[in-house]
Amino acid sequence: MSATEITFLLAFGFIGATICGALGYLVAADRHWLGFALGFLLGPMGVLVAVLLPRDRDPKSDRAKSRAKRESTFYQRGADQWLDECR
């Protein structure tokens, strides 16, 4: 094989891996960068794995709810302690 053929194969492989990475990014449920990595590294098989990734229900709302709950209990404890000190 000549240097030109090797360069062509490497370029073709990189372009194919990038296309599979982009497809993995698009089809991955909520983990786009994981989908890209799987598609880029594993090719069409990685895109298939990215399609089959489990979907999160709604991570933003779950996080927001748990944070609001933590903050309310923290502030409530602080308010109770302050009231106890004032009495």
Protein backbone atom coordinates (compact mmCIF):
# COMPACT_ATOMS: atom_id res chain seq x y z
CA MET A 1 0.00 0.00 0.00
CA SER A 2 1.21 3.43 -0.83
CA ALA A 3 1.15 6.43 1.48
CA THR A 4 -1.73 7.92 -0.50
CA GLU A 5 -3.89 4.84 0.02
CA ILE A 6 -3.17 4.79 3.74
CA THR A 7 -4.01 8.48 4.03
CA PHE A 8 -7.26 7.91 2.14
CA LEU A 9 -8.25 5.00 4.42
CA LEU A 10 -7.46 6.99 7.57
CA ALA A 11 -9.44 9.99 6.32
CA PHE A 12 -12.36 7.78 5.29
CA GLY A 13 -12.31 6.05 8.70
CA PHE A 14 -12.24 9.34 10.58
CA ILE A 15 -15.10 10.77 8.52
CA GLY A 16 -17.14 7.59 9.05
CA ALA A 17 -16.45 7.65 12.79
CA THR A 18 -17.47 11.32 12.97
CA ILE A 19 -20.72 10.62 11.12
CA CYS A 20 -21.51 7.69 13.44
CA GLY A 21 -20.68 9.91 16.42
CA ALA A 22 -23.07 12.59 15.17
CA LEU A 23 -25.81 9.99 14.70
CA GLY A 24 -25.16 8.68 18.21
CA TYR A 25 -25.39 12.22 19.56
CA LEU A 26 -28.73 12.74 17.86
CA VAL A 27 -30.38 9.49 18.86
CA ALA A 28 -29.14 9.21 22.46
CA ALA A 29 -32.02 9.91 24.81
CA ASP A 30 -30.66 12.29 27.42
CA ARG A 31 -26.98 11.47 27.28
CA HIS A 32 -25.91 13.08 24.04
CA TRP A 33 -22.16 13.06 24.62
CA LEU A 34 -22.22 9.41 25.65
CA GLY A 35 -24.07 8.69 22.41
CA PHE A 36 -21.41 10.58 20.47
CA ALA A 37 -18.59 8.66 22.15
CA LEU A 38 -20.28 5.32 21.54
CA GLY A 39 -20.97 6.15 17.91
CA PHE A 40 -17.48 7.50 17.31
CA LEU A 41 -15.66 4.61 18.96
CA LEU A 42 -17.90 1.69 17.99
CA GLY A 43 -19.35 2.90 14.71
CA PRO A 44 -22.79 1.67 13.68
CA MET A 45 -22.88 -0.73 16.65
CA GLY A 46 -22.35 2.25 18.97
CA VAL A 47 -25.25 4.10 17.34
CA LEU A 48 -27.44 1.07 18.00
CA VAL A 49 -26.33 1.00 21.65
CA ALA A 50 -27.05 4.74 21.92
CA VAL A 51 -30.59 4.16 20.65
CA LEU A 52 -31.10 1.51 23.33
CA LEU A 53 -29.86 3.67 26.21
CA PRO A 54 -32.50 4.02 28.93
CA ARG A 55 -34.30 7.33 29.00
CA ASP A 56 -34.44 9.43 32.13
CA ARG A 57 -37.95 10.40 33.15
CA ASP A 58 -37.32 14.07 33.73
CA PRO A 59 -34.02 14.61 35.52
CA LYS A 60 -34.34 18.38 35.74
CA SER A 61 -37.65 18.32 37.55
CA ASP A 62 -36.50 15.53 39.90
CA ARG A 63 -33.35 17.48 40.74
CA ALA A 64 -35.28 20.68 41.21
CA LYS A 65 -37.80 19.00 43.50
CA SER A 66 -35.14 17.37 45.67
CA ARG A 67 -33.18 20.62 45.88
CA ALA A 68 -36.27 22.59 46.85
CA LYS A 69 -37.08 20.00 49.51
CA ARG A 70 -33.54 20.13 50.93
CA GLU A 71 -33.55 23.91 50.98
CA SER A 72 -36.96 24.13 52.64
CA THR A 73 -35.95 21.70 55.39
CA PHE A 74 -32.65 23.54 55.86
CA TYR A 75 -34.35 26.91 56.14
CA GLN A 76 -37.07 25.48 58.37
CA ARG A 77 -34.45 24.07 60.73
CA GLY A 78 -32.67 27.42 60.71
CA ALA A 79 -35.91 29.25 61.47
CA ASP A 80 -36.77 26.83 64.27
CA GLN A 81 -33.32 27.25 65.79
CA TRP A 82 -33.56 31.02 65.57
CA LEU A 83 -36.99 30.98 67.23
CA ASP A 84 -35.67 28.75 70.01
CA GLU A 85 -32.81 31.18 70.62
CA CYS A 86 -35.19 34.14 70.76
CA ARG A 87 -37.42 32.52 73.39
